[in-house]
Amino acid sequence: MLDGTIVNIALPHAQSDLGMSDGDRTWVVTLYALVFGALLLLGGRIADYWGRKRSFIVGTAGFAVASTVGGMAQSTWELLAARGLQGLFTALLAPASLALLTVNFPGGKDRIKAFSV
């Protein structure tokens, strides 16, 4: 969830380095949220089908690769594509991580502690 807002810190520098317009700058933030929100339910269903652990691992690895691509972007379109992929892999990662916590900590103080962390 942090990635949805932390990009705002680097965005002014990315805008000047990549020569982005203000409209493109808006899409860097919006595209991530749009793809994430649109695919979140599907990500939960995929986690049910593939398994929570596999879905979590694929989501984490995909998000790391997309973040690397975004960090090395040389054009606006590369950054936008990377942000879209980050949203996609986050939609896979988020429901799997919550499901893993729910299964591994069935109740009590440990579950409260796990969800708060």
PDB file of N, CA and C in Angstrom:
ATOM      1  N   MET A   1       0.821  -1.197   0.000  1.00  0.00           N
ATOM      2  CA  MET A   1       0.000   0.000   0.000  1.00  0.00           C
ATOM      3  C   MET A   1       0.865   1.261   0.000  1.00  0.00           C
ATOM      4  N   LEU A   2       2.044   1.140   0.537  1.00  0.00           N
ATOM      5  CA  LEU A   2       2.947   2.282   0.608  1.00  0.00           C
ATOM      6  C   LEU A   2       3.312   2.790  -0.784  1.00  0.00           C
ATOM      7  N   ASP A   3       3.402   1.878  -1.737  1.00  0.00           N
ATOM      8  CA  ASP A   3       3.809   2.277  -3.084  1.00  0.00           C
ATOM      9  C   ASP A   3       2.796   3.198  -3.751  1.00  0.00           C
ATOM     10  N   GLY A   4       1.569   3.133  -3.319  1.00  0.00           N
ATOM     11  CA  GLY A   4       0.551   4.013  -3.888  1.00  0.00           C
ATOM     12  C   GLY A   4       0.802   5.482  -3.608  1.00  0.00           C
ATOM     13  N   THR A   5       1.500   5.778  -2.526  1.00  0.00           N
ATOM     14  CA  THR A   5       1.739   7.179  -2.168  1.00  0.00           C
ATOM     15  C   THR A   5       3.201   7.591  -2.218  1.00  0.00           C
ATOM     16  N   ILE A   6       4.110   6.654  -2.041  1.00  0.00           N
ATOM     17  CA  ILE A   6       5.524   7.027  -1.954  1.00  0.00           C
ATOM     18  C   ILE A   6       6.073   7.549  -3.273  1.00  0.00           C
ATOM     19  N   VAL A   7       5.454   7.144  -4.366  1.00  0.00           N
ATOM     20  CA  VAL A   7       5.917   7.634  -5.671  1.00  0.00           C
ATOM     21  C   VAL A   7       5.763   9.155  -5.775  1.00  0.00           C
ATOM     22  N   ASN A   8       4.866   9.723  -4.989  1.00  0.00           N
ATOM     23  CA  ASN A   8       4.677  11.178  -5.021  1.00  0.00           C
ATOM     24  C   ASN A   8       5.930  11.938  -4.614  1.00  0.00           C
ATOM     25  N   ILE A   9       6.768  11.327  -3.799  1.00  0.00           N
ATOM     26  CA  ILE A   9       8.004  11.984  -3.365  1.00  0.00           C
ATOM     27  C   ILE A   9       8.990  12.105  -4.523  1.00  0.00           C
ATOM     28  N   ALA A  10       9.118  11.062  -5.317  1.00  0.00           N
ATOM     29  CA  ALA A  10      10.076  11.052  -6.430  1.00  0.00           C
ATOM     30  C   ALA A  10       9.499  11.630  -7.711  1.00  0.00           C
ATOM     31  N   LEU A  11       8.200  11.816  -7.760  1.00  0.00           N
ATOM     32  CA  LEU A  11       7.550  12.215  -9.005  1.00  0.00           C
ATOM     33  C   LEU A  11       8.020  13.549  -9.580  1.00  0.00           C
ATOM     34  N   PRO A  12       8.245  14.596  -8.793  1.00  0.00           N
ATOM     35  CA  PRO A  12       8.735  15.839  -9.402  1.00  0.00           C
ATOM     36  C   PRO A  12      10.083  15.673 -10.116  1.00  0.00           C
ATOM     37  N   HIS A  13      10.974  14.888  -9.533  1.00  0.00           N
ATOM     38  CA  HIS A  13      12.276  14.641 -10.175  1.00  0.00           C
ATOM     39  C   HIS A  13      12.106  13.786 -11.428  1.00  0.00           C
ATOM     40  N   ALA A  14      11.245  12.781 -11.352  1.00  0.00           N
ATOM     41  CA  ALA A  14      10.999  11.931 -12.518  1.00  0.00           C
ATOM     42  C   ALA A  14      10.365  12.746 -13.643  1.00  0.00           C
ATOM     43  N   GLN A  15       9.480  13.647 -13.291  1.00  0.00           N
ATOM     44  CA  GLN A  15       8.828  14.475 -14.304  1.00  0.00           C
ATOM     45  C   GLN A  15       9.856  15.323 -15.044  1.00  0.00           C
ATOM     46  N   SER A  16      10.769  15.943 -14.322  1.00  0.00           N
ATOM     47  CA  SER A  16      11.768  16.775 -14.994  1.00  0.00           C
ATOM     48  C   SER A  16      12.775  15.927 -15.757  1.00  0.00           C
ATOM     49  N   ASP A  17      13.185  14.793 -15.206  1.00  0.00           N
ATOM     50  CA  ASP A  17      14.162  13.940 -15.882  1.00  0.00           C
ATOM     51  C   ASP A  17      13.610  13.309 -17.160  1.00  0.00           C
ATOM     52  N   LEU A  18      12.340  12.912 -17.125  1.00  0.00           N
ATOM     53  CA  LEU A  18      11.733  12.243 -18.276  1.00  0.00           C
ATOM     54  C   LEU A  18      10.987  13.198 -19.196  1.00  0.00           C
ATOM     55  N   GLY A  19      10.884  14.453 -18.809  1.00  0.00           N
ATOM     56  CA  GLY A  19      10.173  15.435 -19.630  1.00  0.00           C
ATOM     57  C   GLY A  19       8.685  15.161 -19.718  1.00  0.00           C
ATOM     58  N   MET A  20       8.101  14.728 -18.617  1.00  0.00           N
ATOM     59  CA  MET A  20       6.673  14.395 -18.596  1.00  0.00           C
ATOM     60  C   MET A  20       5.827  15.652 -18.499  1.00  0.00           C
ATOM     61  N   SER A  21       4.645  15.584 -19.079  1.00  0.00           N
ATOM     62  CA  SER A  21       3.675  16.659 -18.906  1.00  0.00           C
ATOM     63  C   SER A  21       2.966  16.471 -17.570  1.00  0.00           C
ATOM     64  N   ASP A  22       2.209  17.472 -17.161  1.00  0.00           N
ATOM     65  CA  ASP A  22       1.452  17.342 -15.913  1.00  0.00           C
ATOM     66  C   ASP A  22       0.403  16.243 -16.011  1.00  0.00           C
ATOM     67  N   GLY A  23      -0.167  16.069 -17.198  1.00  0.00           N
ATOM     68  CA  GLY A  23      -1.145  14.998 -17.406  1.00  0.00           C
ATOM     69  C   GLY A  23      -0.523  13.619 -17.244  1.00  0.00           C
ATOM     70  N   ASP A  24       0.684  13.455 -17.791  1.00  0.00           N
ATOM     71  CA  ASP A  24       1.391  12.181 -17.631  1.00  0.00           C
ATOM     72  C   ASP A  24       1.751  11.934 -16.170  1.00  0.00           C
ATOM     73  N   ARG A  25       2.099  12.991 -15.500  1.00  0.00           N
ATOM     74  CA  ARG A  25       2.444  12.884 -14.075  1.00  0.00           C
ATOM     75  C   ARG A  25       1.238  12.366 -13.283  1.00  0.00           C
ATOM     76  N   THR A  26       0.070  12.844 -13.616  1.00  0.00           N
ATOM     77  CA  THR A  26      -1.151  12.373 -12.955  1.00  0.00           C
ATOM     78  C   THR A  26      -1.379  10.893 -13.221  1.00  0.00           C
ATOM     79  N   TRP A  27      -1.101  10.450 -14.446  1.00  0.00           N
ATOM     80  CA  TRP A  27      -1.305   9.056 -14.799  1.00  0.00           C
ATOM     81  C   TRP A  27      -0.356   8.115 -14.068  1.00  0.00           C
ATOM     82  N   VAL A  28       0.811   8.590 -13.679  1.00  0.00           N
ATOM     83  CA  VAL A  28       1.744   7.737 -12.937  1.00  0.00           C
ATOM     84  C   VAL A  28       1.104   7.269 -11.634  1.00  0.00           C
ATOM     85  N   VAL A  29       0.393   8.149 -10.964  1.00  0.00           N
ATOM     86  CA  VAL A  29      -0.276   7.797  -9.712  1.00  0.00           C
ATOM     87  C   VAL A  29      -1.581   7.060  -9.989  1.00  0.00           C
ATOM     88  N   THR A  30      -2.344   7.547 -10.937  1.00  0.00           N
ATOM     89  CA  THR A  30      -3.678   7.013 -11.203  1.00  0.00           C
ATOM     90  C   THR A  30      -3.641   5.613 -11.785  1.00  0.00           C
ATOM     91  N   LEU A  31      -2.694   5.341 -12.673  1.00  0.00           N
ATOM     92  CA  LEU A  31      -2.638   4.042 -13.332  1.00  0.00           C
ATOM     93  C   LEU A  31      -2.434   2.916 -12.330  1.00  0.00           C
ATOM     94  N   TYR A  32      -1.559   3.142 -11.362  1.00  0.00           N
ATOM     95  CA  TYR A  32      -1.320   2.139 -10.321  1.00  0.00           C
ATOM     96  C   TYR A  32      -2.620   1.837  -9.565  1.00  0.00           C
ATOM     97  N   ALA A  33      -3.288   2.877  -9.103  1.00  0.00           N
ATOM     98  CA  ALA A  33      -4.515   2.695  -8.316  1.00  0.00           C
ATOM     99  C   ALA A  33      -5.626   2.070  -9.158  1.00  0.00           C
ATOM    100  N   LEU A  34      -5.713   2.451 -10.403  1.00  0.00           N
ATOM    101  CA  LEU A  34      -6.754   1.943 -11.287  1.00  0.00           C
ATOM    102  C   LEU A  34      -6.573   0.447 -11.549  1.00  0.00           C
ATOM    103  N   VAL A  35      -5.372   0.047 -11.909  1.00  0.00           N
ATOM    104  CA  VAL A  35      -5.109  -1.367 -12.179  1.00  0.00           C
ATOM    105  C   VAL A  35      -5.260  -2.195 -10.905  1.00  0.00           C
ATOM    106  N   PHE A  36      -4.729  -1.691  -9.798  1.00  0.00           N
ATOM    107  CA  PHE A  36      -4.843  -2.398  -8.524  1.00  0.00           C
ATOM    108  C   PHE A  36      -6.308  -2.603  -8.144  1.00  0.00           C
ATOM    109  N   GLY A  37      -7.085  -1.538  -8.189  1.00  0.00           N
ATOM    110  CA  GLY A  37      -8.494  -1.627  -7.814  1.00  0.00           C
ATOM    111  C   GLY A  37      -9.299  -2.516  -8.740  1.00  0.00           C
ATOM    112  N   ALA A  38      -8.985  -2.459 -10.025  1.00  0.00           N
ATOM    113  CA  ALA A  38      -9.738  -3.246 -11.001  1.00  0.00           C
ATOM    114  C   ALA A  38      -9.454  -4.739 -10.884  1.00  0.00           C
ATOM    115  N   LEU A  39      -8.257  -5.096 -10.464  1.00  0.00           N
ATOM    116  CA  LEU A  39      -7.862  -6.505 -10.459  1.00  0.00           C
ATOM    117  C   LEU A  39      -7.792  -7.137  -9.074  1.00  0.00           C
ATOM    118  N   LEU A  40      -8.143  -6.402  -8.041  1.00  0.00           N
ATOM    119  CA  LEU A  40      -8.019  -6.911  -6.672  1.00  0.00           C
ATOM    120  C   LEU A  40      -8.875  -8.159  -6.433  1.00  0.00           C
ATOM    121  N   LEU A  41     -10.117  -8.145  -6.862  1.00  0.00           N
ATOM    122  CA  LEU A  41     -10.976  -9.326  -6.670  1.00  0.00           C
ATOM    123  C   LEU A  41     -10.461 -10.519  -7.472  1.00  0.00           C
ATOM    124  N   LEU A  42      -9.990 -10.259  -8.682  1.00  0.00           N
ATOM    125  CA  LEU A  42      -9.416 -11.327  -9.490  1.00  0.00           C
ATOM    126  C   LEU A  42      -8.159 -11.888  -8.830  1.00  0.00           C
ATOM    127  N   GLY A  43      -7.366 -11.021  -8.210  1.00  0.00           N
ATOM    128  CA  GLY A  43      -6.177 -11.473  -7.492  1.00  0.00           C
ATOM    129  C   GLY A  43      -6.525 -12.413  -6.354  1.00  0.00           C
ATOM    130  N   GLY A  44      -7.601 -12.131  -5.646  1.00  0.00           N
ATOM    131  CA  GLY A  44      -8.057 -13.029  -4.586  1.00  0.00           C
ATOM    132  C   GLY A  44      -8.507 -14.372  -5.130  1.00  0.00           C
ATOM    133  N   ARG A  45      -9.176 -14.339  -6.256  1.00  0.00           N
ATOM    134  CA  ARG A  45      -9.637 -15.587  -6.879  1.00  0.00           C
ATOM    135  C   ARG A  45      -8.456 -16.412  -7.374  1.00  0.00           C
ATOM    136  N   ILE A  46      -7.467 -15.734  -7.943  1.00  0.00           N
ATOM    137  CA  ILE A  46      -6.266 -16.436  -8.402  1.00  0.00           C
ATOM    138  C   ILE A  46      -5.539 -17.066  -7.221  1.00  0.00           C
ATOM    139  N   ALA A  47      -5.483 -16.366  -6.091  1.00  0.00           N
ATOM    140  CA  ALA A  47      -4.850 -16.925  -4.891  1.00  0.00           C
ATOM    141  C   ALA A  47      -5.592 -18.176  -4.421  1.00  0.00           C
ATOM    142  N   ASP A  48      -6.907 -18.184  -4.547  1.00  0.00           N
ATOM    143  CA  ASP A  48      -7.677 -19.378  -4.200  1.00  0.00           C
ATOM    144  C   ASP A  48      -7.363 -20.533  -5.150  1.00  0.00           C
ATOM    145  N   TYR A  49      -7.190 -20.213  -6.417  1.00  0.00           N
ATOM    146  CA  TYR A  49      -6.959 -21.236  -7.440  1.00  0.00           C
ATOM    147  C   TYR A  49      -5.524 -21.758  -7.409  1.00  0.00           C
ATOM    148  N   TRP A  50      -4.543 -20.853  -7.419  1.00  0.00           N
ATOM    149  CA  TRP A  50      -3.125 -21.234  -7.433  1.00  0.00           C
ATOM    150  C   TRP A  50      -2.608 -21.700  -6.089  1.00  0.00           C
ATOM    151  N   GLY A  51      -3.167 -21.125  -5.061  1.00  0.00           N
ATOM    152  CA  GLY A  51      -2.646 -21.314  -3.716  1.00  0.00           C
ATOM    153  C   GLY A  51      -2.084 -19.996  -3.213  1.00  0.00           C
ATOM    154  N   ARG A  52      -2.232 -19.776  -1.920  1.00  0.00           N
ATOM    155  CA  ARG A  52      -1.829 -18.493  -1.334  1.00  0.00           C
ATOM    156  C   ARG A  52      -0.331 -18.247  -1.446  1.00  0.00           C
ATOM    157  N   LYS A  53       0.443 -19.273  -1.150  1.00  0.00           N
ATOM    158  CA  LYS A  53       1.899 -19.115  -1.137  1.00  0.00           C
ATOM    159  C   LYS A  53       2.427 -18.797  -2.539  1.00  0.00           C
ATOM    160  N   ARG A  54       2.005 -19.541  -3.524  1.00  0.00           N
ATOM    161  CA  ARG A  54       2.464 -19.307  -4.896  1.00  0.00           C
ATOM    162  C   ARG A  54       2.053 -17.921  -5.374  1.00  0.00           C
ATOM    163  N   SER A  55       0.837 -17.546  -5.082  1.00  0.00           N
ATOM    164  CA  SER A  55       0.348 -16.230  -5.468  1.00  0.00           C
ATOM    165  C   SER A  55       1.150 -15.119  -4.798  1.00  0.00           C
ATOM    166  N   PHE A  56       1.482 -15.314  -3.532  1.00  0.00           N
ATOM    167  CA  PHE A  56       2.291 -14.334  -2.802  1.00  0.00           C
ATOM    168  C   PHE A  56       3.687 -14.209  -3.399  1.00  0.00           C
ATOM    169  N   ILE A  57       4.299 -15.337  -3.715  1.00  0.00           N
ATOM    170  CA  ILE A  57       5.648 -15.331  -4.280  1.00  0.00           C
ATOM    171  C   ILE A  57       5.659 -14.691  -5.672  1.00  0.00           C
ATOM    172  N   VAL A  58       4.716 -15.054  -6.513  1.00  0.00           N
ATOM    173  CA  VAL A  58       4.641 -14.463  -7.852  1.00  0.00           C
ATOM    174  C   VAL A  58       4.367 -12.965  -7.756  1.00  0.00           C
ATOM    175  N   GLY A  59       3.465 -12.576  -6.871  1.00  0.00           N
ATOM    176  CA  GLY A  59       3.162 -11.157  -6.689  1.00  0.00           C
ATOM    177  C   GLY A  59       4.363 -10.370  -6.203  1.00  0.00           C
ATOM    178  N   THR A  60       5.095 -10.926  -5.260  1.00  0.00           N
ATOM    179  CA  THR A  60       6.278 -10.251  -4.722  1.00  0.00           C
ATOM    180  C   THR A  60       7.372 -10.140  -5.778  1.00  0.00           C
ATOM    181  N   ALA A  61       7.653 -11.225  -6.471  1.00  0.00           N
ATOM    182  CA  ALA A  61       8.693 -11.207  -7.502  1.00  0.00           C
ATOM    183  C   ALA A  61       8.312 -10.273  -8.655  1.00  0.00           C
ATOM    184  N   GLY A  62       7.067 -10.348  -9.080  1.00  0.00           N
ATOM    185  CA  GLY A  62       6.614  -9.471 -10.160  1.00  0.00           C
ATOM    186  C   GLY A  62       6.659  -8.010  -9.780  1.00  0.00           C
ATOM    187  N   PHE A  63       6.277  -7.719  -8.543  1.00  0.00           N
ATOM    188  CA  PHE A  63       6.327  -6.345  -8.079  1.00  0.00           C
ATOM    189  C   PHE A  63       7.765  -5.843  -8.026  1.00  0.00           C
ATOM    190  N   ALA A  64       8.684  -6.693  -7.596  1.00  0.00           N
ATOM    191  CA  ALA A  64      10.102  -6.299  -7.540  1.00  0.00           C
ATOM    192  C   ALA A  64      10.642  -6.012  -8.938  1.00  0.00           C
ATOM    193  N   VAL A  65      10.301  -6.849  -9.905  1.00  0.00           N
ATOM    194  CA  VAL A  65      10.759  -6.634 -11.281  1.00  0.00           C
ATOM    195  C   VAL A  65      10.141  -5.354 -11.848  1.00  0.00           C
ATOM    196  N   ALA A  66       8.850  -5.159 -11.631  1.00  0.00           N
ATOM    197  CA  ALA A  66       8.183  -3.950 -12.126  1.00  0.00           C
ATOM    198  C   ALA A  66       8.766  -2.696 -11.476  1.00  0.00           C
ATOM    199  N   SER A  67       9.123  -2.780 -10.209  1.00  0.00           N
ATOM    200  CA  SER A  67       9.736  -1.643  -9.520  1.00  0.00           C
ATOM    201  C   SER A  67      11.108  -1.330 -10.102  1.00  0.00           C
ATOM    202  N   THR A  68      11.856  -2.371 -10.432  1.00  0.00           N
ATOM    203  CA  THR A  68      13.164  -2.170 -11.052  1.00  0.00           C
ATOM    204  C   THR A  68      13.021  -1.517 -12.420  1.00  0.00           C
ATOM    205  N   VAL A  69      12.061  -1.990 -13.198  1.00  0.00           N
ATOM    206  CA  VAL A  69      11.805  -1.394 -14.515  1.00  0.00           C
ATOM    207  C   VAL A  69      11.400   0.071 -14.357  1.00  0.00           C
ATOM    208  N   GLY A  70      10.558   0.352 -13.391  1.00  0.00           N
ATOM    209  CA  GLY A  70      10.138   1.734 -13.147  1.00  0.00           C
ATOM    210  C   GLY A  70      11.293   2.614 -12.710  1.00  0.00           C
ATOM    211  N   GLY A  71      12.171   2.071 -11.891  1.00  0.00           N
ATOM    212  CA  GLY A  71      13.320   2.834 -11.431  1.00  0.00           C
ATOM    213  C   GLY A  71      14.328   3.114 -12.521  1.00  0.00           C
ATOM    214  N   MET A  72      14.358   2.266 -13.539  1.00  0.00           N
ATOM    215  CA  MET A  72      15.298   2.439 -14.641  1.00  0.00           C
ATOM    216  C   MET A  72      14.641   3.030 -15.888  1.00  0.00           C
ATOM    217  N   ALA A  73      13.398   3.453 -15.774  1.00  0.00           N
ATOM    218  CA  ALA A  73      12.650   3.962 -16.925  1.00  0.00           C
ATOM    219  C   ALA A  73      13.372   5.137 -17.583  1.00  0.00           C
ATOM    220  N   GLN A  74      13.395   5.118 -18.916  1.00  0.00           N
ATOM    221  CA  GLN A  74      14.026   6.177 -19.697  1.00  0.00           C
ATOM    222  C   GLN A  74      13.003   7.025 -20.441  1.00  0.00           C
ATOM    223  N   SER A  75      11.741   6.627 -20.358  1.00  0.00           N
ATOM    224  CA  SER A  75      10.676   7.388 -21.018  1.00  0.00           C
ATOM    225  C   SER A  75       9.411   7.328 -20.169  1.00  0.00           C
ATOM    226  N   THR A  76       8.514   8.209 -20.487  1.00  0.00           N
ATOM    227  CA  THR A  76       7.237   8.256 -19.760  1.00  0.00           C
ATOM    228  C   THR A  76       6.485   6.945 -19.909  1.00  0.00           C
ATOM    229  N   TRP A  77       6.480   6.392 -21.120  1.00  0.00           N
ATOM    230  CA  TRP A  77       5.725   5.162 -21.359  1.00  0.00           C
ATOM    231  C   TRP A  77       6.298   3.986 -20.585  1.00  0.00           C
ATOM    232  N   GLU A  78       7.608   3.924 -20.427  1.00  0.00           N
ATOM    233  CA  GLU A  78       8.198   2.858 -19.627  1.00  0.00           C
ATOM    234  C   GLU A  78       7.772   2.983 -18.166  1.00  0.00           C
ATOM    235  N   LEU A  79       7.764   4.199 -17.656  1.00  0.00           N
ATOM    236  CA  LEU A  79       7.340   4.410 -16.273  1.00  0.00           C
ATOM    237  C   LEU A  79       5.866   4.067 -16.089  1.00  0.00           C
ATOM    238  N   LEU A  80       5.035   4.463 -17.043  1.00  0.00           N
ATOM    239  CA  LEU A  80       3.607   4.149 -16.958  1.00  0.00           C
ATOM    240  C   LEU A  80       3.369   2.639 -17.034  1.00  0.00           C
ATOM    241  N   ALA A  81       4.090   1.959 -17.909  1.00  0.00           N
ATOM    242  CA  ALA A  81       3.943   0.502 -18.014  1.00  0.00           C
ATOM    243  C   ALA A  81       4.377  -0.167 -16.708  1.00  0.00           C
ATOM    244  N   ALA A  82       5.474   0.308 -16.135  1.00  0.00           N
ATOM    245  CA  ALA A  82       5.950  -0.255 -14.873  1.00  0.00           C
ATOM    246  C   ALA A  82       4.938  -0.024 -13.758  1.00  0.00           C
ATOM    247  N   ARG A  83       4.347   1.154 -13.698  1.00  0.00           N
ATOM    248  CA  ARG A  83       3.342   1.440 -12.668  1.00  0.00           C
ATOM    249  C   ARG A  83       2.103   0.564 -12.857  1.00  0.00           C
ATOM    250  N   GLY A  84       1.711   0.323 -14.091  1.00  0.00           N
ATOM    251  CA  GLY A  84       0.585  -0.583 -14.345  1.00  0.00           C
ATOM    252  C   GLY A  84       0.899  -1.999 -13.887  1.00  0.00           C
ATOM    253  N   LEU A  85       2.121  -2.446 -14.169  1.00  0.00           N
ATOM    254  CA  LEU A  85       2.529  -3.780 -13.718  1.00  0.00           C
ATOM    255  C   LEU A  85       2.621  -3.857 -12.200  1.00  0.00           C
ATOM    256  N   GLN A  86       3.067  -2.787 -11.562  1.00  0.00           N
ATOM    257  CA  GLN A  86       3.078  -2.766 -10.102  1.00  0.00           C
ATOM    258  C   GLN A  86       1.662  -2.934  -9.560  1.00  0.00           C
ATOM    259  N   GLY A  87       0.708  -2.248 -10.151  1.00  0.00           N
ATOM    260  CA  GLY A  87      -0.684  -2.391  -9.730  1.00  0.00           C
ATOM    261  C   GLY A  87      -1.195  -3.806  -9.916  1.00  0.00           C
ATOM    262  N   LEU A  88      -0.834  -4.416 -11.043  1.00  0.00           N
ATOM    263  CA  LEU A  88      -1.256  -5.786 -11.319  1.00  0.00           C
ATOM    264  C   LEU A  88      -0.687  -6.751 -10.282  1.00  0.00           C
ATOM    265  N   PHE A  89       0.601  -6.670 -10.028  1.00  0.00           N
ATOM    266  CA  PHE A  89       1.214  -7.598  -9.080  1.00  0.00           C
ATOM    267  C   PHE A  89       0.801  -7.309  -7.639  1.00  0.00           C
ATOM    268  N   THR A  90       0.488  -6.064  -7.324  1.00  0.00           N
ATOM    269  CA  THR A  90      -0.026  -5.755  -5.991  1.00  0.00           C
ATOM    270  C   THR A  90      -1.412  -6.359  -5.811  1.00  0.00           C
ATOM    271  N   ALA A  91      -2.210  -6.355  -6.876  1.00  0.00           N
ATOM    272  CA  ALA A  91      -3.537  -6.963  -6.814  1.00  0.00           C
ATOM    273  C   ALA A  91      -3.436  -8.467  -6.574  1.00  0.00           C
ATOM    274  N   LEU A  92      -2.354  -9.068  -6.984  1.00  0.00           N
ATOM    275  CA  LEU A  92      -2.122 -10.484  -6.727  1.00  0.00           C
ATOM    276  C   LEU A  92      -1.549 -10.697  -5.324  1.00  0.00           C
ATOM    277  N   LEU A  93      -0.706  -9.802  -4.904  1.00  0.00           N
ATOM    278  CA  LEU A  93       0.011  -9.915  -3.637  1.00  0.00           C
ATOM    279  C   LEU A  93      -0.866  -9.614  -2.421  1.00  0.00           C
ATOM    280  N   ALA A  94      -1.657  -8.572  -2.472  1.00  0.00           N
ATOM    281  CA  ALA A  94      -2.415  -8.113  -1.301  1.00  0.00           C
ATOM    282  C   ALA A  94      -3.391  -9.158  -0.748  1.00  0.00           C
ATOM    283  N   PRO A  95      -4.267  -9.740  -1.566  1.00  0.00           N
ATOM    284  CA  PRO A  95      -5.188 -10.729  -0.981  1.00  0.00           C
ATOM    285  C   PRO A  95      -4.464 -11.990  -0.502  1.00  0.00           C
ATOM    286  N   ALA A  96      -3.389 -12.365  -1.182  1.00  0.00           N
ATOM    287  CA  ALA A  96      -2.648 -13.555  -0.762  1.00  0.00           C
ATOM    288  C   ALA A  96      -1.982 -13.324   0.593  1.00  0.00           C
ATOM    289  N   SER A  97      -1.433 -12.136   0.793  1.00  0.00           N
ATOM    290  CA  SER A  97      -0.773 -11.862   2.069  1.00  0.00           C
ATOM    291  C   SER A  97      -1.773 -11.847   3.225  1.00  0.00           C
ATOM    292  N   LEU A  98      -2.924 -11.253   3.002  1.00  0.00           N
ATOM    293  CA  LEU A  98      -3.941 -11.236   4.059  1.00  0.00           C
ATOM    294  C   LEU A  98      -4.477 -12.637   4.344  1.00  0.00           C
ATOM    295  N   ALA A  99      -4.638 -13.435   3.293  1.00  0.00           N
ATOM    296  CA  ALA A  99      -5.101 -14.813   3.486  1.00  0.00           C
ATOM    297  C   ALA A  99      -4.060 -15.638   4.241  1.00  0.00           C
ATOM    298  N   LEU A 100      -2.784 -15.436   3.923  1.00  0.00           N
ATOM    299  CA  LEU A 100      -1.731 -16.155   4.635  1.00  0.00           C
ATOM    300  C   LEU A 100      -1.714 -15.796   6.122  1.00  0.00           C
ATOM    301  N   LEU A 101      -1.894 -14.534   6.428  1.00  0.00           N
ATOM    302  CA  LEU A 101      -1.944 -14.117   7.828  1.00  0.00           C
ATOM    303  C   LEU A 101      -3.137 -14.736   8.544  1.00  0.00           C
ATOM    304  N   THR A 102      -4.272 -14.749   7.883  1.00  0.00           N
ATOM    305  CA  THR A 102      -5.485 -15.294   8.484  1.00  0.00           C
ATOM    306  C   THR A 102      -5.340 -16.790   8.774  1.00  0.00           C
ATOM    307  N   VAL A 103      -4.730 -17.526   7.865  1.00  0.00           N
ATOM    308  CA  VAL A 103      -4.572 -18.971   8.038  1.00  0.00           C
ATOM    309  C   VAL A 103      -3.492 -19.287   9.072  1.00  0.00           C
ATOM    310  N   ASN A 104      -2.394 -18.573   9.032  1.00  0.00           N
ATOM    311  CA  ASN A 104      -1.271 -18.878   9.923  1.00  0.00           C
ATOM    312  C   ASN A 104      -1.460 -18.373  11.353  1.00  0.00           C
ATOM    313  N   PHE A 105      -2.341 -17.406  11.527  1.00  0.00           N
ATOM    314  CA  PHE A 105      -2.644 -16.887  12.864  1.00  0.00           C
ATOM    315  C   PHE A 105      -4.158 -16.945  13.060  1.00  0.00           C
ATOM    316  N   PRO A 106      -4.683 -18.121  13.456  1.00  0.00           N
ATOM    317  CA  PRO A 106      -6.125 -18.314  13.492  1.00  0.00           C
ATOM    318  C   PRO A 106      -6.877 -17.464  14.517  1.00  0.00           C
ATOM    319  N   GLY A 107      -6.231 -16.937  15.505  1.00  0.00           N
ATOM    320  CA  GLY A 107      -6.948 -16.104  16.467  1.00  0.00           C
ATOM    321  C   GLY A 107      -6.062 -15.697  17.631  1.00  0.00           C
ATOM    322  N   GLY A 108      -6.623 -14.873  18.476  1.00  0.00           N
ATOM    323  CA  GLY A 108      -5.924 -14.475  19.685  1.00  0.00           C
ATOM    324  C   GLY A 108      -4.937 -13.347  19.486  1.00  0.00           C
ATOM    325  N   LYS A 109      -4.052 -13.225  20.476  1.00  0.00           N
ATOM    326  CA  LYS A 109      -3.091 -12.119  20.487  1.00  0.00           C
ATOM    327  C   LYS A 109      -2.100 -12.192  19.331  1.00  0.00           C
ATOM    328  N   ASP A 110      -1.719 -13.414  18.932  1.00  0.00           N
ATOM    329  CA  ASP A 110      -0.776 -13.544  17.821  1.00  0.00           C
ATOM    330  C   ASP A 110      -1.352 -12.994  16.518  1.00  0.00           C
ATOM    331  N   ARG A 111      -2.632 -13.248  16.302  1.00  0.00           N
ATOM    332  CA  ARG A 111      -3.270 -12.748  15.089  1.00  0.00           C
ATOM    333  C   ARG A 111      -3.355 -11.220  15.110  1.00  0.00           C
ATOM    334  N   ILE A 112      -3.702 -10.681  16.231  1.00  0.00           N
ATOM    335  CA  ILE A 112      -3.789  -9.211  16.365  1.00  0.00           C
ATOM    336  C   ILE A 112      -2.415  -8.595  16.108  1.00  0.00           C
ATOM    337  N   LYS A 113      -1.402  -9.226  16.671  1.00  0.00           N
ATOM    338  CA  LYS A 113      -0.031  -8.715  16.493  1.00  0.00           C
ATOM    339  C   LYS A 113       0.392  -8.821  15.025  1.00  0.00           C
ATOM    340  N   ALA A 114       0.085  -9.939  14.379  1.00  0.00           N
ATOM    341  CA  ALA A 114       0.467 -10.142  12.978  1.00  0.00           C
ATOM    342  C   ALA A 114      -0.198  -9.109  12.061  1.00  0.00           C
ATOM    343  N   PHE A 115      -1.472  -8.860  12.270  1.00  0.00           N
ATOM    344  CA  PHE A 115      -2.174  -7.901  11.415  1.00  0.00           C
ATOM    345  C   PHE A 115      -1.715  -6.472  11.701  1.00  0.00           C
ATOM    346  N   SER A 116      -1.353  -6.184  12.933  1.00  0.00           N
ATOM    347  CA  SER A 116      -0.900  -4.824  13.230  1.00  0.00           C
ATOM    348  C   SER A 116       0.489  -4.555  12.654  1.00  0.00           C
ATOM    349  N   VAL A 117       1.316  -5.579  12.627  1.00  0.00           N
ATOM    350  CA  VAL A 117       2.650  -5.429  12.021  1.00  0.00           C
ATOM    351  C   VAL A 117       2.504  -5.283  10.533  1.00  0.00           C
TER     352      VAL A 117
END
